[in-house]
Amino acid sequence: MTGVRELNLLLTAGDLRPGQLAVVAATGHFLLIAGCLALFLRLRPSLKRWGQFLAGGVLAVGYLVLIVFSTGPQFIGMMRRVFGL
């Protein structure tokens, strides 16, 4: 709920605080994912294409986890909680 409040504050006040930067980034990522999915669905994908699409998503998340584990050891505990490891 805090993220929604921060986004509302950003839209109404117009100033960007450091805490709001994550909200802006997350909103952008969700819009990007929604756009990719919408355009992918317009292609009327076959089962093979769905497999490729999902494999690409899994690879992207795996790459994120690899980056965090190799360059941001302070975030390993958070990643374990998020992914239930």
C-alpha atoms as a PDB file:
ATOM      1  CA  MET A   1       0.000   0.000   0.000  1.00  0.00           C
ATOM      2  CA  THR A   2       2.921   2.338   0.608  1.00  0.00           C
ATOM      3  CA  GLY A   3       3.895   2.143  -3.064  1.00  0.00           C
ATOM      4  CA  VAL A   4       0.437   3.268  -4.155  1.00  0.00           C
ATOM      5  CA  ARG A   5       0.593   6.160  -1.700  1.00  0.00           C
ATOM      6  CA  GLU A   6       4.026   7.168  -2.998  1.00  0.00           C
ATOM      7  CA  LEU A   7       2.798   7.021  -6.608  1.00  0.00           C
ATOM      8  CA  ASN A   8      -0.204   9.177  -5.714  1.00  0.00           C
ATOM      9  CA  LEU A   9       2.094  11.686  -4.027  1.00  0.00           C
ATOM     10  CA  LEU A  10       4.318  11.764  -7.094  1.00  0.00           C
ATOM     11  CA  LEU A  11       1.372  12.367  -9.417  1.00  0.00           C
ATOM     12  CA  THR A  12      -0.233  15.046  -7.251  1.00  0.00           C
ATOM     13  CA  ALA A  13       2.822  16.897  -5.927  1.00  0.00           C
ATOM     14  CA  GLY A  14       5.013  16.431  -8.983  1.00  0.00           C
ATOM     15  CA  ASP A  15       8.262  16.058  -7.091  1.00  0.00           C
ATOM     16  CA  LEU A  16      10.346  12.904  -7.041  1.00  0.00           C
ATOM     17  CA  ARG A  17      11.702  11.787  -3.686  1.00  0.00           C
ATOM     18  CA  PRO A  18      14.308   9.016  -3.405  1.00  0.00           C
ATOM     19  CA  GLY A  19      11.691   6.625  -1.987  1.00  0.00           C
ATOM     20  CA  GLN A  20       9.483   7.176  -5.020  1.00  0.00           C
ATOM     21  CA  LEU A  21      12.111   6.176  -7.527  1.00  0.00           C
ATOM     22  CA  ALA A  22      11.449   2.475  -6.933  1.00  0.00           C
ATOM     23  CA  VAL A  23       7.726   3.050  -7.529  1.00  0.00           C
ATOM     24  CA  VAL A  24       8.440   4.734 -10.853  1.00  0.00           C
ATOM     25  CA  ALA A  25      10.798   1.931 -11.876  1.00  0.00           C
ATOM     26  CA  ALA A  26       8.325  -0.799 -10.879  1.00  0.00           C
ATOM     27  CA  THR A  27       5.484   0.933 -12.733  1.00  0.00           C
ATOM     28  CA  GLY A  28       7.630   1.169 -15.844  1.00  0.00           C
ATOM     29  CA  HIS A  29       8.544  -2.509 -15.654  1.00  0.00           C
ATOM     30  CA  PHE A  30       4.930  -3.604 -15.221  1.00  0.00           C
ATOM     31  CA  LEU A  31       3.891  -1.470 -18.205  1.00  0.00           C
ATOM     32  CA  LEU A  32       6.711  -2.947 -20.279  1.00  0.00           C
ATOM     33  CA  ILE A  33       5.717  -6.512 -19.356  1.00  0.00           C
ATOM     34  CA  ALA A  34       2.038  -5.783 -20.104  1.00  0.00           C
ATOM     35  CA  GLY A  35       2.975  -4.303 -23.491  1.00  0.00           C
ATOM     36  CA  CYS A  36       5.140  -7.289 -24.399  1.00  0.00           C
ATOM     37  CA  LEU A  37       2.373  -9.699 -23.443  1.00  0.00           C
ATOM     38  CA  ALA A  38      -0.279  -7.725 -25.348  1.00  0.00           C
ATOM     39  CA  LEU A  39       1.788  -7.647 -28.538  1.00  0.00           C
ATOM     40  CA  PHE A  40       2.739 -11.301 -28.145  1.00  0.00           C
ATOM     41  CA  LEU A  41      -0.942 -12.245 -27.888  1.00  0.00           C
ATOM     42  CA  ARG A  42      -1.674 -10.360 -31.134  1.00  0.00           C
ATOM     43  CA  LEU A  43       0.614 -12.816 -32.924  1.00  0.00           C
ATOM     44  CA  ARG A  44      -1.714 -15.708 -31.989  1.00  0.00           C
ATOM     45  CA  PRO A  45       1.234 -17.761 -30.776  1.00  0.00           C
ATOM     46  CA  SER A  46       1.507 -21.515 -31.102  1.00  0.00           C
ATOM     47  CA  LEU A  47       2.368 -23.756 -28.170  1.00  0.00           C
ATOM     48  CA  LYS A  48       6.030 -23.703 -29.243  1.00  0.00           C
ATOM     49  CA  ARG A  49       6.063 -19.894 -29.195  1.00  0.00           C
ATOM     50  CA  TRP A  50       4.484 -19.871 -25.710  1.00  0.00           C
ATOM     51  CA  GLY A  51       7.294 -22.124 -24.543  1.00  0.00           C
ATOM     52  CA  GLN A  52       9.882 -19.766 -25.993  1.00  0.00           C
ATOM     53  CA  PHE A  53       8.147 -16.755 -24.453  1.00  0.00           C
ATOM     54  CA  LEU A  54       8.045 -18.337 -21.003  1.00  0.00           C
ATOM     55  CA  ALA A  55      11.616 -19.619 -21.301  1.00  0.00           C
ATOM     56  CA  GLY A  56      12.739 -16.077 -22.073  1.00  0.00           C
ATOM     57  CA  GLY A  57      10.994 -14.835 -18.936  1.00  0.00           C
ATOM     58  CA  VAL A  58      12.627 -17.518 -16.818  1.00  0.00           C
ATOM     59  CA  LEU A  59      16.041 -16.685 -18.283  1.00  0.00           C
ATOM     60  CA  ALA A  60      15.527 -12.978 -17.566  1.00  0.00           C
ATOM     61  CA  VAL A  61      14.625 -13.631 -13.917  1.00  0.00           C
ATOM     62  CA  GLY A  62      17.556 -16.039 -13.619  1.00  0.00           C
ATOM     63  CA  TYR A  63      19.884 -13.370 -14.988  1.00  0.00           C
ATOM     64  CA  LEU A  64      18.543 -10.873 -12.426  1.00  0.00           C
ATOM     65  CA  VAL A  65      19.193 -13.333  -9.609  1.00  0.00           C
ATOM     66  CA  LEU A  66      22.715 -13.977 -10.938  1.00  0.00           C
ATOM     67  CA  ILE A  67      23.446 -10.240 -11.043  1.00  0.00           C
ATOM     68  CA  VAL A  68      22.201  -9.747  -7.485  1.00  0.00           C
ATOM     69  CA  PHE A  69      24.170 -12.688  -6.119  1.00  0.00           C
ATOM     70  CA  SER A  70      27.378 -11.642  -7.872  1.00  0.00           C
ATOM     71  CA  THR A  71      27.322  -7.854  -7.397  1.00  0.00           C
ATOM     72  CA  GLY A  72      24.959  -7.131  -4.510  1.00  0.00           C
ATOM     73  CA  PRO A  73      25.574  -9.598  -1.704  1.00  0.00           C
ATOM     74  CA  GLN A  74      23.644  -7.355   0.692  1.00  0.00           C
ATOM     75  CA  PHE A  75      20.462  -8.237  -1.259  1.00  0.00           C
ATOM     76  CA  ILE A  76      20.849 -12.040  -1.154  1.00  0.00           C
ATOM     77  CA  GLY A  77      18.613 -12.366   1.924  1.00  0.00           C
ATOM     78  CA  MET A  78      15.889 -10.356   0.222  1.00  0.00           C
ATOM     79  CA  MET A  79      16.112 -12.466  -2.959  1.00  0.00           C
ATOM     80  CA  ARG A  80      15.829 -15.651  -0.909  1.00  0.00           C
ATOM     81  CA  ARG A  81      12.665 -14.360   0.755  1.00  0.00           C
ATOM     82  CA  VAL A  82      11.155 -13.219  -2.543  1.00  0.00           C
ATOM     83  CA  PHE A  83      11.795 -16.505  -4.347  1.00  0.00           C
ATOM     84  CA  GLY A  84      11.261 -18.732  -1.290  1.00  0.00           C
ATOM     85  CA  LEU A  85      14.787 -20.159  -1.309  1.00  0.00           C
END
